[in-house]
């Protein structure tokens, strides 16, 4: 795979395989490409607390807000939508000329 590309995309279901949130599953909210696979923001994983000031113009209440932050894409593994197992990703060309991601365990197509 070329540098900066990743097998994980937005709205994929992933399993965290390393770090303090190991074992948690979630949906990818944001994907940032970069060296080493880039970084991902996963729903409900890698939560941090931020102290926010109230801003009446933007209708923002002040206080302590808990939100997700990015983590390295190497710490997550894609969960196959067909077999439900965490899996590595392969690529395959279809007859209609499209290149799709496939599950290495069940050989099912991951892309819609």
C-alpha atoms as a PDB file:
ATOM      1  CA  UNK A   1       0.000   0.000   0.000  1.00  0.00           C
ATOM      2  CA  UNK A   2       1.272   3.492  -0.755  1.00  0.00           C
ATOM      3  CA  UNK A   3       2.520   5.694   2.073  1.00  0.00           C
ATOM      4  CA  UNK A   4      -0.231   7.555   3.876  1.00  0.00           C
ATOM      5  CA  UNK A   5      -3.014   5.154   2.857  1.00  0.00           C
ATOM      6  CA  UNK A   6      -4.978   3.065   5.299  1.00  0.00           C
ATOM      7  CA  UNK A   7      -7.372   0.140   5.078  1.00  0.00           C
ATOM      8  CA  UNK A   8      -9.722   1.865   7.526  1.00  0.00           C
ATOM      9  CA  UNK A   9     -12.281   4.405   6.368  1.00  0.00           C
ATOM     10  CA  UNK A  10     -14.946   6.610   7.901  1.00  0.00           C
ATOM     11  CA  UNK A  11     -18.040   4.765   9.261  1.00  0.00           C
ATOM     12  CA  UNK A  12     -16.179   1.438   9.506  1.00  0.00           C
ATOM     13  CA  UNK A  13     -16.733  -0.653  12.615  1.00  0.00           C
ATOM     14  CA  UNK A  14     -13.415  -1.254  14.398  1.00  0.00           C
ATOM     15  CA  UNK A  15     -11.990  -3.039  17.440  1.00  0.00           C
ATOM     16  CA  UNK A  16      -9.273  -1.386  19.553  1.00  0.00           C
ATOM     17  CA  UNK A  17      -6.363  -3.837  19.850  1.00  0.00           C
ATOM     18  CA  UNK A  18      -3.894  -1.755  21.899  1.00  0.00           C
ATOM     19  CA  UNK A  19      -3.881   0.829  24.659  1.00  0.00           C
ATOM     20  CA  UNK A  20      -6.078   1.528  27.680  1.00  0.00           C
ATOM     21  CA  UNK A  21      -9.292   0.994  25.660  1.00  0.00           C
ATOM     22  CA  UNK A  22      -8.270  -2.426  24.321  1.00  0.00           C
ATOM     23  CA  UNK A  23     -11.281  -4.613  23.517  1.00  0.00           C
ATOM     24  CA  UNK A  24     -13.735  -1.778  22.879  1.00  0.00           C
ATOM     25  CA  UNK A  25     -15.628  -1.592  19.599  1.00  0.00           C
ATOM     26  CA  UNK A  26     -16.837   1.538  17.890  1.00  0.00           C
ATOM     27  CA  UNK A  27     -17.499   3.364  14.650  1.00  0.00           C
ATOM     28  CA  UNK A  28     -14.858   5.539  12.967  1.00  0.00           C
ATOM     29  CA  UNK A  29     -16.009   9.161  13.119  1.00  0.00           C
ATOM     30  CA  UNK A  30     -12.975  10.723  11.431  1.00  0.00           C
ATOM     31  CA  UNK A  31      -9.912   9.427   9.593  1.00  0.00           C
ATOM     32  CA  UNK A  32      -6.745  11.474   9.096  1.00  0.00           C
ATOM     33  CA  UNK A  33      -4.179  10.007   6.690  1.00  0.00           C
ATOM     34  CA  UNK A  34      -0.508  10.295   7.533  1.00  0.00           C
ATOM     35  CA  UNK A  35       2.714   8.444   8.242  1.00  0.00           C
ATOM     36  CA  UNK A  36       2.305   5.102   9.970  1.00  0.00           C
ATOM     37  CA  UNK A  37      -1.291   4.663   8.817  1.00  0.00           C
ATOM     38  CA  UNK A  38      -2.576   7.984  10.135  1.00  0.00           C
ATOM     39  CA  UNK A  39      -4.986   8.513  12.975  1.00  0.00           C
ATOM     40  CA  UNK A  40      -8.628   7.739  13.655  1.00  0.00           C
ATOM     41  CA  UNK A  41     -11.320   9.052  15.982  1.00  0.00           C
ATOM     42  CA  UNK A  42     -13.497   6.194  17.235  1.00  0.00           C
ATOM     43  CA  UNK A  43     -16.916   6.703  18.813  1.00  0.00           C
ATOM     44  CA  UNK A  44     -16.805   6.191  22.609  1.00  0.00           C
ATOM     45  CA  UNK A  45     -13.075   5.380  22.693  1.00  0.00           C
ATOM     46  CA  UNK A  46     -10.040   7.381  23.926  1.00  0.00           C
ATOM     47  CA  UNK A  47     -12.152   9.888  25.849  1.00  0.00           C
ATOM     48  CA  UNK A  48     -10.596  13.069  27.278  1.00  0.00           C
ATOM     49  CA  UNK A  49     -12.000  15.801  29.491  1.00  0.00           C
ATOM     50  CA  UNK A  50     -11.914  19.407  28.335  1.00  0.00           C
ATOM     51  CA  UNK A  51     -12.764  22.474  30.400  1.00  0.00           C
ATOM     52  CA  UNK A  52     -14.869  24.808  28.238  1.00  0.00           C
ATOM     53  CA  UNK A  53     -15.864  28.410  28.741  1.00  0.00           C
ATOM     54  CA  UNK A  54     -19.497  29.338  28.223  1.00  0.00           C
ATOM     55  CA  UNK A  55     -20.163  31.086  24.906  1.00  0.00           C
ATOM     56  CA  UNK A  56     -23.705  32.478  24.645  1.00  0.00           C
ATOM     57  CA  UNK A  57     -23.244  33.447  20.976  1.00  0.00           C
ATOM     58  CA  UNK A  58     -22.614  29.822  19.941  1.00  0.00           C
ATOM     59  CA  UNK A  59     -25.070  28.472  22.546  1.00  0.00           C
ATOM     60  CA  UNK A  60     -22.265  26.571  24.348  1.00  0.00           C
ATOM     61  CA  UNK A  61     -22.590  25.838  28.060  1.00  0.00           C
ATOM     62  CA  UNK A  62     -19.479  25.956  30.191  1.00  0.00           C
ATOM     63  CA  UNK A  63     -18.144  23.091  32.273  1.00  0.00           C
ATOM     64  CA  UNK A  64     -16.226  19.873  31.831  1.00  0.00           C
ATOM     65  CA  UNK A  65     -16.917  18.173  28.491  1.00  0.00           C
ATOM     66  CA  UNK A  66     -15.898  14.595  27.715  1.00  0.00           C
ATOM     67  CA  UNK A  67     -15.137  13.853  24.064  1.00  0.00           C
ATOM     68  CA  UNK A  68     -13.209  11.492  21.823  1.00  0.00           C
ATOM     69  CA  UNK A  69      -9.719  12.274  20.604  1.00  0.00           C
ATOM     70  CA  UNK A  70      -7.601  10.739  17.876  1.00  0.00           C
ATOM     71  CA  UNK A  71      -5.528   7.597  18.192  1.00  0.00           C
ATOM     72  CA  UNK A  72      -3.088   5.870  15.859  1.00  0.00           C
ATOM     73  CA  UNK A  73      -4.802   3.806  13.161  1.00  0.00           C
ATOM     74  CA  UNK A  74      -2.406   0.931  13.915  1.00  0.00           C
ATOM     75  CA  UNK A  75      -4.194   0.464  17.258  1.00  0.00           C
ATOM     76  CA  UNK A  76      -7.488  -0.499  15.623  1.00  0.00           C
ATOM     77  CA  UNK A  77      -8.547  -3.462  13.514  1.00  0.00           C
ATOM     78  CA  UNK A  78     -11.494  -3.534  11.146  1.00  0.00           C
ATOM     79  CA  UNK A  79     -14.504  -5.678  12.095  1.00  0.00           C
ATOM     80  CA  UNK A  80     -15.959  -7.515   9.090  1.00  0.00           C
ATOM     81  CA  UNK A  81     -19.640  -6.595   8.578  1.00  0.00           C
ATOM     82  CA  UNK A  82     -20.435 -10.111   7.308  1.00  0.00           C
ATOM     83  CA  UNK A  83     -18.741 -12.447   9.803  1.00  0.00           C
ATOM     84  CA  UNK A  84     -18.456  -9.952  12.689  1.00  0.00           C
ATOM     85  CA  UNK A  85     -14.835 -10.879  13.387  1.00  0.00           C
ATOM     86  CA  UNK A  86     -11.864  -8.495  13.646  1.00  0.00           C
ATOM     87  CA  UNK A  87      -9.821  -9.125  10.544  1.00  0.00           C
ATOM     88  CA  UNK A  88      -7.005  -8.022   8.332  1.00  0.00           C
ATOM     89  CA  UNK A  89      -7.907  -6.438   5.010  1.00  0.00           C
ATOM     90  CA  UNK A  90      -7.144  -7.629   1.506  1.00  0.00           C
ATOM     91  CA  UNK A  91      -7.890  -5.983  -1.822  1.00  0.00           C
ATOM     92  CA  UNK A  92      -9.508  -7.484  -4.896  1.00  0.00           C
ATOM     93  CA  UNK A  93     -10.552  -6.276  -8.333  1.00  0.00           C
ATOM     94  CA  UNK A  94     -14.149  -7.047  -9.290  1.00  0.00           C
ATOM     95  CA  UNK A  95     -15.359  -7.867 -12.803  1.00  0.00           C
ATOM     96  CA  UNK A  96     -16.829  -4.377 -13.187  1.00  0.00           C
ATOM     97  CA  UNK A  97     -13.366  -2.839 -12.619  1.00  0.00           C
ATOM     98  CA  UNK A  98     -13.834  -1.700  -9.006  1.00  0.00           C
ATOM     99  CA  UNK A  99     -11.160  -2.322  -6.387  1.00  0.00           C
ATOM    100  CA  UNK A 100     -12.770  -3.411  -3.097  1.00  0.00           C
ATOM    101  CA  UNK A 101     -11.587  -4.354   0.382  1.00  0.00           C
ATOM    102  CA  UNK A 102     -12.158  -7.988   1.394  1.00  0.00           C
ATOM    103  CA  UNK A 103     -12.123  -9.793   4.726  1.00  0.00           C
ATOM    104  CA  UNK A 104      -9.177 -12.180   5.102  1.00  0.00           C
ATOM    105  CA  UNK A 105     -11.221 -14.599   7.222  1.00  0.00           C
ATOM    106  CA  UNK A 106     -14.478 -15.036   5.301  1.00  0.00           C
ATOM    107  CA  UNK A 107     -13.395 -13.560   1.917  1.00  0.00           C
ATOM    108  CA  UNK A 108     -16.495 -11.308   2.033  1.00  0.00           C
ATOM    109  CA  UNK A 109     -16.554  -7.847   0.488  1.00  0.00           C
ATOM    110  CA  UNK A 110     -16.242  -5.110   3.147  1.00  0.00           C
ATOM    111  CA  UNK A 111     -17.155  -2.148   0.900  1.00  0.00           C
ATOM    112  CA  UNK A 112     -20.782  -1.360   0.114  1.00  0.00           C
END
